Amino acid sequence: MKSHNVVAIAAAFVVFLLAVQASEAAISCSDVISNLRPCVSYLVNGSGKPPPACCSGVSAVASAASTSADKKTACNCIKSAAKNVNLNPQLAQALPGNCGVNLPFPVSPNTDCSKIG
């Protein structure tokens, strides 16, 4: 039953992120979700270090979000998804650091993405 819930949450996460698009940025929410998909299970009920595929995705998002518009888009995608999926907030906020990646914004539903630049 528990794995069924994780799959349902992951599916909702994917659908939601694919529905959120930004017109000015080169990066899209579909790019962000493709890269972060390996992190969903870890962020919902993981512990310890994130899986290597997850860290590769975090690194890809950080690399792709090079302009101010891209950073805001990535931030808004992650923020929106974080509000709709029952992520472990401590794991989410620690994810970039645990992967050795510097994101210009925290992974949190409370981030003010308008201040990202």
PDB file of N, CA and C in Angstrom:
ATOM      1  N   MET A   1       0.827  -1.198   0.000  1.00  0.00           N
ATOM      2  CA  MET A   1       0.000   0.000   0.000  1.00  0.00           C
ATOM      3  C   MET A   1       0.865   1.253   0.000  1.00  0.00           C
ATOM      4  N   LYS A   2       1.959   1.225   0.764  1.00  0.00           N
ATOM      5  CA  LYS A   2       2.811   2.395   0.868  1.00  0.00           C
ATOM      6  C   LYS A   2       3.446   2.729  -0.481  1.00  0.00           C
ATOM      7  N   SER A   3       3.920   1.712  -1.217  1.00  0.00           N
ATOM      8  CA  SER A   3       4.539   1.978  -2.521  1.00  0.00           C
ATOM      9  C   SER A   3       3.501   2.507  -3.509  1.00  0.00           C
ATOM     10  N   HIS A   4       2.246   2.074  -3.368  1.00  0.00           N
ATOM     11  CA  HIS A   4       1.182   2.601  -4.225  1.00  0.00           C
ATOM     12  C   HIS A   4       1.004   4.097  -3.991  1.00  0.00           C
ATOM     13  N   ASN A   5       1.057   4.518  -2.730  1.00  0.00           N
ATOM     14  CA  ASN A   5       0.928   5.943  -2.400  1.00  0.00           C
ATOM     15  C   ASN A   5       2.082   6.741  -2.976  1.00  0.00           C
ATOM     16  N   VAL A   6       3.297   6.216  -2.917  1.00  0.00           N
ATOM     17  CA  VAL A   6       4.458   6.913  -3.471  1.00  0.00           C
ATOM     18  C   VAL A   6       4.295   7.072  -4.974  1.00  0.00           C
ATOM     19  N   VAL A   7       3.833   6.025  -5.644  1.00  0.00           N
ATOM     20  CA  VAL A   7       3.615   6.097  -7.091  1.00  0.00           C
ATOM     21  C   VAL A   7       2.541   7.131  -7.416  1.00  0.00           C
ATOM     22  N   ALA A   8       1.477   7.155  -6.653  1.00  0.00           N
ATOM     23  CA  ALA A   8       0.403   8.128  -6.891  1.00  0.00           C
ATOM     24  C   ALA A   8       0.901   9.550  -6.661  1.00  0.00           C
ATOM     25  N   ILE A   9       1.678   9.746  -5.622  1.00  0.00           N
ATOM     26  CA  ILE A   9       2.235  11.072  -5.348  1.00  0.00           C
ATOM     27  C   ILE A   9       3.199  11.478  -6.452  1.00  0.00           C
ATOM     28  N   ALA A  10       4.039  10.561  -6.868  1.00  0.00           N
ATOM     29  CA  ALA A  10       4.992  10.858  -7.938  1.00  0.00           C
ATOM     30  C   ALA A  10       4.257  11.208  -9.234  1.00  0.00           C
ATOM     31  N   ALA A  11       3.200  10.481  -9.538  1.00  0.00           N
ATOM     32  CA  ALA A  11       2.429  10.769 -10.747  1.00  0.00           C
ATOM     33  C   ALA A  11       1.784  12.154 -10.665  1.00  0.00           C
ATOM     34  N   ALA A  12       1.248  12.494  -9.512  1.00  0.00           N
ATOM     35  CA  ALA A  12       0.647  13.820  -9.339  1.00  0.00           C
ATOM     36  C   ALA A  12       1.707  14.903  -9.467  1.00  0.00           C
ATOM     37  N   PHE A  13       2.885  14.662  -8.937  1.00  0.00           N
ATOM     38  CA  PHE A  13       4.014  15.593  -9.027  1.00  0.00           C
ATOM     39  C   PHE A  13       4.367  15.842 -10.496  1.00  0.00           C
ATOM     40  N   VAL A  14       4.464  14.781 -11.277  1.00  0.00           N
ATOM     41  CA  VAL A  14       4.804  14.901 -12.700  1.00  0.00           C
ATOM     42  C   VAL A  14       3.724  15.659 -13.456  1.00  0.00           C
ATOM     43  N   VAL A  15       2.480  15.295 -13.264  1.00  0.00           N
ATOM     44  CA  VAL A  15       1.386  15.965 -13.961  1.00  0.00           C
ATOM     45  C   VAL A  15       1.347  17.442 -13.614  1.00  0.00           C
ATOM     46  N   PHE A  16       1.498  17.759 -12.345  1.00  0.00           N
ATOM     47  CA  PHE A  16       1.455  19.156 -11.938  1.00  0.00           C
ATOM     48  C   PHE A  16       2.588  19.950 -12.579  1.00  0.00           C
ATOM     49  N   LEU A  17       3.793  19.428 -12.511  1.00  0.00           N
ATOM     50  CA  LEU A  17       4.921  20.175 -13.057  1.00  0.00           C
ATOM     51  C   LEU A  17       4.824  20.345 -14.569  1.00  0.00           C
ATOM     52  N   LEU A  18       4.279  19.360 -15.244  1.00  0.00           N
ATOM     53  CA  LEU A  18       4.119  19.496 -16.692  1.00  0.00           C
ATOM     54  C   LEU A  18       3.083  20.550 -17.048  1.00  0.00           C
ATOM     55  N   ALA A  19       2.164  20.830 -16.135  1.00  0.00           N
ATOM     56  CA  ALA A  19       1.119  21.818 -16.399  1.00  0.00           C
ATOM     57  C   ALA A  19       1.591  23.248 -16.168  1.00  0.00           C
ATOM     58  N   VAL A  20       2.672  23.419 -15.415  1.00  0.00           N
ATOM     59  CA  VAL A  20       3.171  24.755 -15.089  1.00  0.00           C
ATOM     60  C   VAL A  20       4.264  25.109 -16.088  1.00  0.00           C
ATOM     61  N   GLN A  21       4.071  26.143 -16.866  1.00  0.00           N
ATOM     62  CA  GLN A  21       5.047  26.563 -17.867  1.00  0.00           C
ATOM     63  C   GLN A  21       5.354  28.043 -17.706  1.00  0.00           C
ATOM     64  N   ALA A  22       6.553  28.449 -18.084  1.00  0.00           N
ATOM     65  CA  ALA A  22       6.936  29.859 -18.084  1.00  0.00           C
ATOM     66  C   ALA A  22       7.293  30.251 -19.514  1.00  0.00           C
ATOM     67  N   SER A  23       6.824  31.410 -19.958  1.00  0.00           N
ATOM     68  CA  SER A  23       6.990  31.785 -21.355  1.00  0.00           C
ATOM     69  C   SER A  23       8.343  32.411 -21.663  1.00  0.00           C
ATOM     70  N   GLU A  24       8.987  33.071 -20.699  1.00  0.00           N
ATOM     71  CA  GLU A  24      10.217  33.783 -20.990  1.00  0.00           C
ATOM     72  C   GLU A  24      11.471  32.931 -20.826  1.00  0.00           C
ATOM     73  N   ALA A  25      11.420  31.901 -20.085  1.00  0.00           N
ATOM     74  CA  ALA A  25      12.616  31.147 -19.762  1.00  0.00           C
ATOM     75  C   ALA A  25      12.906  30.059 -20.793  1.00  0.00           C
ATOM     76  N   ALA A  26      14.180  29.749 -20.955  1.00  0.00           N
ATOM     77  CA  ALA A  26      14.583  28.671 -21.845  1.00  0.00           C
ATOM     78  C   ALA A  26      14.336  27.315 -21.192  1.00  0.00           C
ATOM     79  N   ILE A  27      14.424  27.266 -19.872  1.00  0.00           N
ATOM     80  CA  ILE A  27      14.139  26.029 -19.146  1.00  0.00           C
ATOM     81  C   ILE A  27      12.630  25.959 -18.910  1.00  0.00           C
ATOM     82  N   SER A  28      12.091  24.768 -18.954  1.00  0.00           N
ATOM     83  CA  SER A  28      10.656  24.604 -18.727  1.00  0.00           C
ATOM     84  C   SER A  28      10.431  23.697 -17.529  1.00  0.00           C
ATOM     85  N   CYS A  29       9.218  23.700 -17.035  1.00  0.00           N
ATOM     86  CA  CYS A  29       8.895  22.803 -15.932  1.00  0.00           C
ATOM     87  C   CYS A  29       9.059  21.351 -16.352  1.00  0.00           C
ATOM     88  N   SER A  30       8.816  21.049 -17.615  1.00  0.00           N
ATOM     89  CA  SER A  30       9.030  19.669 -18.060  1.00  0.00           C
ATOM     90  C   SER A  30      10.512  19.315 -17.990  1.00  0.00           C
ATOM     91  N   ASP A  31      11.401  20.283 -18.254  1.00  0.00           N
ATOM     92  CA  ASP A  31      12.842  20.042 -18.086  1.00  0.00           C
ATOM     93  C   ASP A  31      13.157  19.761 -16.621  1.00  0.00           C
ATOM     94  N   VAL A  32      12.613  20.600 -15.745  1.00  0.00           N
ATOM     95  CA  VAL A  32      12.874  20.463 -14.318  1.00  0.00           C
ATOM     96  C   VAL A  32      12.376  19.112 -13.818  1.00  0.00           C
ATOM     97  N   ILE A  33      11.154  18.724 -14.175  1.00  0.00           N
ATOM     98  CA  ILE A  33      10.610  17.459 -13.683  1.00  0.00           C
ATOM     99  C   ILE A  33      11.367  16.273 -14.262  1.00  0.00           C
ATOM    100  N   SER A  34      11.780  16.353 -15.497  1.00  0.00           N
ATOM    101  CA  SER A  34      12.564  15.252 -16.074  1.00  0.00           C
ATOM    102  C   SER A  34      13.849  15.043 -15.286  1.00  0.00           C
ATOM    103  N   ASN A  35      14.469  16.134 -14.911  1.00  0.00           N
ATOM    104  CA  ASN A  35      15.722  16.037 -14.168  1.00  0.00           C
ATOM    105  C   ASN A  35      15.524  15.622 -12.715  1.00  0.00           C
ATOM    106  N   LEU A  36      14.433  16.060 -12.109  1.00  0.00           N
ATOM    107  CA  LEU A  36      14.229  15.787 -10.685  1.00  0.00           C
ATOM    108  C   LEU A  36      13.376  14.551 -10.399  1.00  0.00           C
ATOM    109  N   ARG A  37      12.852  13.915 -11.425  1.00  0.00           N
ATOM    110  CA  ARG A  37      12.021  12.720 -11.238  1.00  0.00           C
ATOM    111  C   ARG A  37      12.712  11.663 -10.363  1.00  0.00           C
ATOM    112  N   PRO A  38      14.022  11.420 -10.517  1.00  0.00           N
ATOM    113  CA  PRO A  38      14.670  10.415  -9.661  1.00  0.00           C
ATOM    114  C   PRO A  38      14.740  10.810  -8.182  1.00  0.00           C
ATOM    115  N   CYS A  39      14.352  12.035  -7.851  1.00  0.00           N
ATOM    116  CA  CYS A  39      14.420  12.501  -6.456  1.00  0.00           C
ATOM    117  C   CYS A  39      13.111  12.319  -5.700  1.00  0.00           C
ATOM    118  N   VAL A  40      12.012  12.089  -6.391  1.00  0.00           N
ATOM    119  CA  VAL A  40      10.692  12.113  -5.747  1.00  0.00           C
ATOM    120  C   VAL A  40      10.592  11.111  -4.603  1.00  0.00           C
ATOM    121  N   SER A  41      10.920   9.867  -4.849  1.00  0.00           N
ATOM    122  CA  SER A  41      10.793   8.852  -3.805  1.00  0.00           C
ATOM    123  C   SER A  41      11.687   9.189  -2.616  1.00  0.00           C
ATOM    124  N   TYR A  42      12.903   9.633  -2.885  1.00  0.00           N
ATOM    125  CA  TYR A  42      13.819  10.028  -1.812  1.00  0.00           C
ATOM    126  C   TYR A  42      13.238  11.183  -0.994  1.00  0.00           C
ATOM    127  N   LEU A  43      12.680  12.175  -1.660  1.00  0.00           N
ATOM    128  CA  LEU A  43      12.159  13.354  -0.966  1.00  0.00           C
ATOM    129  C   LEU A  43      10.880  13.070  -0.189  1.00  0.00           C
ATOM    130  N   VAL A  44      10.155  12.039  -0.569  1.00  0.00           N
ATOM    131  CA  VAL A  44       8.922  11.686   0.145  1.00  0.00           C
ATOM    132  C   VAL A  44       9.237  10.851   1.380  1.00  0.00           C
ATOM    133  N   ASN A  45      10.087   9.834   1.237  1.00  0.00           N
ATOM    134  CA  ASN A  45      10.319   8.955   2.386  1.00  0.00           C
ATOM    135  C   ASN A  45      11.730   8.393   2.430  1.00  0.00           C
ATOM    136  N   GLY A  46      12.696   9.153   1.948  1.00  0.00           N
ATOM    137  CA  GLY A  46      14.076   8.694   1.952  1.00  0.00           C
ATOM    138  C   GLY A  46      14.811   9.071   3.216  1.00  0.00           C
ATOM    139  N   SER A  47      16.058   8.678   3.242  1.00  0.00           N
ATOM    140  CA  SER A  47      16.951   9.067   4.329  1.00  0.00           C
ATOM    141  C   SER A  47      18.380   8.929   3.820  1.00  0.00           C
ATOM    142  N   GLY A  48      19.303   9.529   4.524  1.00  0.00           N
ATOM    143  CA  GLY A  48      20.698   9.439   4.123  1.00  0.00           C
ATOM    144  C   GLY A  48      20.989  10.260   2.888  1.00  0.00           C
ATOM    145  N   LYS A  49      21.917   9.759   2.094  1.00  0.00           N
ATOM    146  CA  LYS A  49      22.327  10.454   0.876  1.00  0.00           C
ATOM    147  C   LYS A  49      21.312  10.214  -0.238  1.00  0.00           C
ATOM    148  N   PRO A  50      21.080  11.239  -1.079  1.00  0.00           N
ATOM    149  CA  PRO A  50      20.196  11.049  -2.234  1.00  0.00           C
ATOM    150  C   PRO A  50      20.828  10.083  -3.243  1.00  0.00           C
ATOM    151  N   PRO A  51      20.019   9.402  -4.036  1.00  0.00           N
ATOM    152  CA  PRO A  51      20.558   8.501  -5.050  1.00  0.00           C
ATOM    153  C   PRO A  51      21.369   9.284  -6.100  1.00  0.00           C
ATOM    154  N   PRO A  52      22.370   8.660  -6.695  1.00  0.00           N
ATOM    155  CA  PRO A  52      23.194   9.340  -7.704  1.00  0.00           C
ATOM    156  C   PRO A  52      22.384   9.932  -8.857  1.00  0.00           C
ATOM    157  N   ALA A  53      21.339   9.231  -9.314  1.00  0.00           N
ATOM    158  CA  ALA A  53      20.523   9.755 -10.422  1.00  0.00           C
ATOM    159  C   ALA A  53      19.817  11.041 -10.015  1.00  0.00           C
ATOM    160  N   CYS A  54      19.422  11.129  -8.761  1.00  0.00           N
ATOM    161  CA  CYS A  54      18.791  12.341  -8.242  1.00  0.00           C
ATOM    162  C   CYS A  54      19.794  13.491  -8.267  1.00  0.00           C
ATOM    163  N   CYS A  55      20.995  13.247  -7.764  1.00  0.00           N
ATOM    164  CA  CYS A  55      22.010  14.303  -7.728  1.00  0.00           C
ATOM    165  C   CYS A  55      22.401  14.749  -9.142  1.00  0.00           C
ATOM    166  N   SER A  56      22.419  13.821 -10.080  1.00  0.00           N
ATOM    167  CA  SER A  56      22.687  14.197 -11.481  1.00  0.00           C
ATOM    168  C   SER A  56      21.605  15.138 -11.986  1.00  0.00           C
ATOM    169  N   GLY A  57      20.358  14.873 -11.612  1.00  0.00           N
ATOM    170  CA  GLY A  57      19.246  15.724 -12.015  1.00  0.00           C
ATOM    171  C   GLY A  57      19.315  17.096 -11.379  1.00  0.00           C
ATOM    172  N   VAL A  58      19.667  17.154 -10.096  1.00  0.00           N
ATOM    173  CA  VAL A  58      19.808  18.439  -9.406  1.00  0.00           C
ATOM    174  C   VAL A  58      20.907  19.253 -10.081  1.00  0.00           C
ATOM    175  N   SER A  59      22.001  18.590 -10.421  1.00  0.00           N
ATOM    176  CA  SER A  59      23.111  19.262 -11.097  1.00  0.00           C
ATOM    177  C   SER A  59      22.678  19.781 -12.473  1.00  0.00           C
ATOM    178  N   ALA A  60      21.891  18.994 -13.185  1.00  0.00           N
ATOM    179  CA  ALA A  60      21.402  19.414 -14.505  1.00  0.00           C
ATOM    180  C   ALA A  60      20.501  20.634 -14.398  1.00  0.00           C
ATOM    181  N   VAL A  61      19.633  20.671 -13.389  1.00  0.00           N
ATOM    182  CA  VAL A  61      18.755  21.835 -13.177  1.00  0.00           C
ATOM    183  C   VAL A  61      19.602  23.057 -12.863  1.00  0.00           C
ATOM    184  N   ALA A  62      20.575  22.896 -11.989  1.00  0.00           N
ATOM    185  CA  ALA A  62      21.436  24.024 -11.622  1.00  0.00           C
ATOM    186  C   ALA A  62      22.186  24.558 -12.849  1.00  0.00           C
ATOM    187  N   SER A  63      22.676  23.670 -13.696  1.00  0.00           N
ATOM    188  CA  SER A  63      23.397  24.084 -14.905  1.00  0.00           C
ATOM    189  C   SER A  63      22.474  24.754 -15.920  1.00  0.00           C
ATOM    190  N   ALA A  64      21.269  24.226 -16.057  1.00  0.00           N
ATOM    191  CA  ALA A  64      20.328  24.761 -17.056  1.00  0.00           C
ATOM    192  C   ALA A  64      19.738  26.097 -16.624  1.00  0.00           C
ATOM    193  N   ALA A  65      19.648  26.325 -15.331  1.00  0.00           N
ATOM    194  CA  ALA A  65      19.065  27.573 -14.816  1.00  0.00           C
ATOM    195  C   ALA A  65      20.154  28.634 -14.732  1.00  0.00           C
ATOM    196  N   SER A  66      20.562  29.129 -15.898  1.00  0.00           N
ATOM    197  CA  SER A  66      21.685  30.066 -15.942  1.00  0.00           C
ATOM    198  C   SER A  66      21.244  31.530 -15.965  1.00  0.00           C
ATOM    199  N   THR A  67      20.098  31.816 -16.534  1.00  0.00           N
ATOM    200  CA  THR A  67      19.626  33.201 -16.588  1.00  0.00           C
ATOM    201  C   THR A  67      18.660  33.465 -15.433  1.00  0.00           C
ATOM    202  N   SER A  68      18.371  34.719 -15.202  1.00  0.00           N
ATOM    203  CA  SER A  68      17.423  35.093 -14.151  1.00  0.00           C
ATOM    204  C   SER A  68      16.055  34.459 -14.413  1.00  0.00           C
ATOM    205  N   ALA A  69      15.601  34.507 -15.663  1.00  0.00           N
ATOM    206  CA  ALA A  69      14.299  33.926 -16.012  1.00  0.00           C
ATOM    207  C   ALA A  69      14.299  32.413 -15.789  1.00  0.00           C
ATOM    208  N   ASP A  70      15.406  31.745 -16.151  1.00  0.00           N
ATOM    209  CA  ASP A  70      15.505  30.301 -15.945  1.00  0.00           C
ATOM    210  C   ASP A  70      15.479  29.960 -14.463  1.00  0.00           C
ATOM    211  N   LYS A  71      16.188  30.731 -13.652  1.00  0.00           N
ATOM    212  CA  LYS A  71      16.219  30.486 -12.208  1.00  0.00           C
ATOM    213  C   LYS A  71      14.834  30.658 -11.597  1.00  0.00           C
ATOM    214  N   LYS A  72      14.117  31.698 -12.029  1.00  0.00           N
ATOM    215  CA  LYS A  72      12.759  31.921 -11.517  1.00  0.00           C
ATOM    216  C   LYS A  72      11.830  30.800 -11.938  1.00  0.00           C
ATOM    217  N   THR A  73      11.958  30.351 -13.185  1.00  0.00           N
ATOM    218  CA  THR A  73      11.117  29.258 -13.668  1.00  0.00           C
ATOM    219  C   THR A  73      11.371  27.993 -12.867  1.00  0.00           C
ATOM    220  N   ALA A  74      12.643  27.631 -12.711  1.00  0.00           N
ATOM    221  CA  ALA A  74      12.980  26.426 -11.954  1.00  0.00           C
ATOM    222  C   ALA A  74      12.477  26.547 -10.515  1.00  0.00           C
ATOM    223  N   CYS A  75      12.682  27.694  -9.917  1.00  0.00           N
ATOM    224  CA  CYS A  75      12.226  27.937  -8.544  1.00  0.00           C
ATOM    225  C   CYS A  75      10.710  27.772  -8.443  1.00  0.00           C
ATOM    226  N   ASN A  76       9.975  28.401  -9.352  1.00  0.00           N
ATOM    227  CA  ASN A  76       8.506  28.309  -9.314  1.00  0.00           C
ATOM    228  C   ASN A  76       8.018  26.888  -9.536  1.00  0.00           C
ATOM    229  N   CYS A  77       8.664  26.150 -10.417  1.00  0.00           N
ATOM    230  CA  CYS A  77       8.277  24.749 -10.653  1.00  0.00           C
ATOM    231  C   CYS A  77       8.460  23.924  -9.387  1.00  0.00           C
ATOM    232  N   ILE A  78       9.642  24.063  -8.790  1.00  0.00           N
ATOM    233  CA  ILE A  78       9.944  23.296  -7.586  1.00  0.00           C
ATOM    234  C   ILE A  78       9.039  23.722  -6.432  1.00  0.00           C
ATOM    235  N   LYS A  79       8.847  25.018  -6.286  1.00  0.00           N
ATOM    236  CA  LYS A  79       7.999  25.540  -5.206  1.00  0.00           C
ATOM    237  C   LYS A  79       6.561  25.032  -5.353  1.00  0.00           C
ATOM    238  N   SER A  80       6.021  25.104  -6.553  1.00  0.00           N
ATOM    239  CA  SER A  80       4.648  24.641  -6.781  1.00  0.00           C
ATOM    240  C   SER A  80       4.507  23.151  -6.504  1.00  0.00           C
ATOM    241  N   ALA A  81       5.467  22.385  -6.967  1.00  0.00           N
ATOM    242  CA  ALA A  81       5.415  20.945  -6.740  1.00  0.00           C
ATOM    243  C   ALA A  81       5.533  20.626  -5.257  1.00  0.00           C
ATOM    244  N   ALA A  82       6.399  21.351  -4.554  1.00  0.00           N
ATOM    245  CA  ALA A  82       6.595  21.108  -3.125  1.00  0.00           C
ATOM    246  C   ALA A  82       5.307  21.353  -2.336  1.00  0.00           C
ATOM    247  N   LYS A  83       4.462  22.258  -2.815  1.00  0.00           N
ATOM    248  CA  LYS A  83       3.194  22.530  -2.136  1.00  0.00           C
ATOM    249  C   LYS A  83       2.174  21.413  -2.354  1.00  0.00           C
ATOM    250  N   ASN A  84       2.339  20.654  -3.424  1.00  0.00           N
ATOM    251  CA  ASN A  84       1.341  19.649  -3.797  1.00  0.00           C
ATOM    252  C   ASN A  84       1.767  18.217  -3.536  1.00  0.00           C
ATOM    253  N   VAL A  85       2.972  18.029  -3.065  1.00  0.00           N
ATOM    254  CA  VAL A  85       3.473  16.692  -2.762  1.00  0.00           C
ATOM    255  C   VAL A  85       3.956  16.717  -1.316  1.00  0.00           C
ATOM    256  N   ASN A  86       3.719  15.650  -0.625  1.00  0.00           N
ATOM    257  CA  ASN A  86       4.086  15.589   0.793  1.00  0.00           C
ATOM    258  C   ASN A  86       5.578  15.268   0.945  1.00  0.00           C
ATOM    259  N   LEU A  87       6.426  16.253   0.557  1.00  0.00           N
ATOM    260  CA  LEU A  87       7.860  16.076   0.656  1.00  0.00           C
ATOM    261  C   LEU A  87       8.321  16.285   2.088  1.00  0.00           C
ATOM    262  N   ASN A  88       9.390  15.615   2.455  1.00  0.00           N
ATOM    263  CA  ASN A  88      10.038  15.853   3.737  1.00  0.00           C
ATOM    264  C   ASN A  88      10.770  17.181   3.605  1.00  0.00           C
ATOM    265  N   PRO A  89      10.351  18.238   4.329  1.00  0.00           N
ATOM    266  CA  PRO A  89      10.942  19.560   4.128  1.00  0.00           C
ATOM    267  C   PRO A  89      12.437  19.621   4.429  1.00  0.00           C
ATOM    268  N   GLN A  90      12.887  18.846   5.412  1.00  0.00           N
ATOM    269  CA  GLN A  90      14.314  18.854   5.721  1.00  0.00           C
ATOM    270  C   GLN A  90      15.124  18.233   4.583  1.00  0.00           C
ATOM    271  N   LEU A  91      14.639  17.129   4.042  1.00  0.00           N
ATOM    272  CA  LEU A  91      15.338  16.496   2.912  1.00  0.00           C
ATOM    273  C   LEU A  91      15.333  17.413   1.692  1.00  0.00           C
ATOM    274  N   ALA A  92      14.197  18.073   1.443  1.00  0.00           N
ATOM    275  CA  ALA A  92      14.089  18.960   0.286  1.00  0.00           C
ATOM    276  C   ALA A  92      15.072  20.125   0.399  1.00  0.00           C
ATOM    277  N   GLN A  93      15.120  20.767   1.553  1.00  0.00           N
ATOM    278  CA  GLN A  93      16.011  21.912   1.723  1.00  0.00           C
ATOM    279  C   GLN A  93      17.477  21.502   1.690  1.00  0.00           C
ATOM    280  N   ALA A  94      17.785  20.308   2.162  1.00  0.00           N
ATOM    281  CA  ALA A  94      19.164  19.839   2.194  1.00  0.00           C
ATOM    282  C   ALA A  94      19.602  19.196   0.880  1.00  0.00           C
ATOM    283  N   LEU A  95      18.665  18.946  -0.027  1.00  0.00           N
ATOM    284  CA  LEU A  95      18.974  18.206  -1.254  1.00  0.00           C
ATOM    285  C   LEU A  95      20.137  18.788  -2.047  1.00  0.00           C
ATOM    286  N   PRO A  96      20.133  20.074  -2.400  1.00  0.00           N
ATOM    287  CA  PRO A  96      21.268  20.580  -3.188  1.00  0.00           C
ATOM    288  C   PRO A  96      22.617  20.375  -2.486  1.00  0.00           C
ATOM    289  N   GLY A  97      22.686  20.711  -1.209  1.00  0.00           N
ATOM    290  CA  GLY A  97      23.926  20.541  -0.455  1.00  0.00           C
ATOM    291  C   GLY A  97      24.338  19.085  -0.344  1.00  0.00           C
ATOM    292  N   ASN A  98      23.356  18.189  -0.130  1.00  0.00           N
ATOM    293  CA  ASN A  98      23.655  16.766  -0.030  1.00  0.00           C
ATOM    294  C   ASN A  98      24.154  16.194  -1.351  1.00  0.00           C
ATOM    295  N   CYS A  99      23.830  16.888  -2.442  1.00  0.00           N
ATOM    296  CA  CYS A  99      24.312  16.472  -3.760  1.00  0.00           C
ATOM    297  C   CYS A  99      25.571  17.242  -4.172  1.00  0.00           C
ATOM    298  N   GLY A 100      26.014  18.180  -3.332  1.00  0.00           N
ATOM    299  CA  GLY A 100      27.193  18.972  -3.671  1.00  0.00           C
ATOM    300  C   GLY A 100      26.933  19.973  -4.777  1.00  0.00           C
ATOM    301  N   VAL A 101      25.679  20.445  -4.862  1.00  0.00           N
ATOM    302  CA  VAL A 101      25.269  21.377  -5.913  1.00  0.00           C
ATOM    303  C   VAL A 101      24.788  22.666  -5.255  1.00  0.00           C
ATOM    304  N   ASN A 102      25.103  23.788  -5.848  1.00  0.00           N
ATOM    305  CA  ASN A 102      24.647  25.078  -5.343  1.00  0.00           C
ATOM    306  C   ASN A 102      23.489  25.571  -6.198  1.00  0.00           C
ATOM    307  N   LEU A 103      22.299  25.595  -5.621  1.00  0.00           N
ATOM    308  CA  LEU A 103      21.140  26.192  -6.289  1.00  0.00           C
ATOM    309  C   LEU A 103      20.986  27.610  -5.751  1.00  0.00           C
ATOM    310  N   PRO A 104      20.565  28.557  -6.588  1.00  0.00           N
ATOM    311  CA  PRO A 104      20.437  29.944  -6.125  1.00  0.00           C
ATOM    312  C   PRO A 104      19.169  30.215  -5.327  1.00  0.00           C
ATOM    313  N   PHE A 105      18.498  29.162  -4.886  1.00  0.00           N
ATOM    314  CA  PHE A 105      17.276  29.301  -4.095  1.00  0.00           C
ATOM    315  C   PHE A 105      17.079  28.036  -3.277  1.00  0.00           C
ATOM    316  N   PRO A 106      16.406  28.150  -2.121  1.00  0.00           N
ATOM    317  CA  PRO A 106      16.116  26.951  -1.335  1.00  0.00           C
ATOM    318  C   PRO A 106      14.979  26.149  -1.954  1.00  0.00           C
ATOM    319  N   VAL A 107      15.010  24.842  -1.751  1.00  0.00           N
ATOM    320  CA  VAL A 107      13.937  23.967  -2.214  1.00  0.00           C
ATOM    321  C   VAL A 107      12.897  23.946  -1.101  1.00  0.00           C
ATOM    322  N   SER A 108      11.867  24.772  -1.267  1.00  0.00           N
ATOM    323  CA  SER A 108      10.853  24.935  -0.228  1.00  0.00           C
ATOM    324  C   SER A 108       9.584  25.520  -0.811  1.00  0.00           C
ATOM    325  N   PRO A 109       8.409  25.156  -0.260  1.00  0.00           N
ATOM    326  CA  PRO A 109       7.166  25.770  -0.717  1.00  0.00           C
ATOM    327  C   PRO A 109       7.057  27.225  -0.266  1.00  0.00           C
ATOM    328  N   ASN A 110       7.959  27.694   0.571  1.00  0.00           N
ATOM    329  CA  ASN A 110       7.910  29.063   1.093  1.00  0.00           C
ATOM    330  C   ASN A 110       8.884  30.022   0.392  1.00  0.00           C
ATOM    331  N   THR A 111       9.605  29.554  -0.588  1.00  0.00           N
ATOM    332  CA  THR A 111      10.582  30.401  -1.281  1.00  0.00           C
ATOM    333  C   THR A 111       9.868  31.494  -2.059  1.00  0.00           C
ATOM    334  N   ASP A 112      10.385  32.720  -1.992  1.00  0.00           N
ATOM    335  CA  ASP A 112       9.867  33.830  -2.794  1.00  0.00           C
ATOM    336  C   ASP A 112      10.670  33.876  -4.088  1.00  0.00           C
ATOM    337  N   CYS A 113      10.157  33.214  -5.109  1.00  0.00           N
ATOM    338  CA  CYS A 113      10.879  33.078  -6.374  1.00  0.00           C
ATOM    339  C   CYS A 113      11.028  34.415  -7.104  1.00  0.00           C
ATOM    340  N   SER A 114      10.208  35.403  -6.779  1.00  0.00           N
ATOM    341  CA  SER A 114      10.325  36.703  -7.441  1.00  0.00           C
ATOM    342  C   SER A 114      11.620  37.412  -7.059  1.00  0.00           C
ATOM    343  N   LYS A 115      12.238  36.986  -5.961  1.00  0.00           N
ATOM    344  CA  LYS A 115      13.486  37.604  -5.513  1.00  0.00           C
ATOM    345  C   LYS A 115      14.723  36.890  -6.054  1.00  0.00           C
ATOM    346  N   ILE A 116      14.501  35.832  -6.833  1.00  0.00           N
ATOM    347  CA  ILE A 116      15.607  35.076  -7.414  1.00  0.00           C
ATOM    348  C   ILE A 116      16.100  35.814  -8.644  1.00  0.00           C
ATOM    349  N   GLY A 117      17.384  35.961  -8.787  1.00  0.00           N
ATOM    350  CA  GLY A 117      17.866  36.676  -9.956  1.00  0.00           C
ATOM    351  C   GLY A 117      19.292  36.458 -10.143  1.00  0.00           C
TER     352      GLY A 117
END
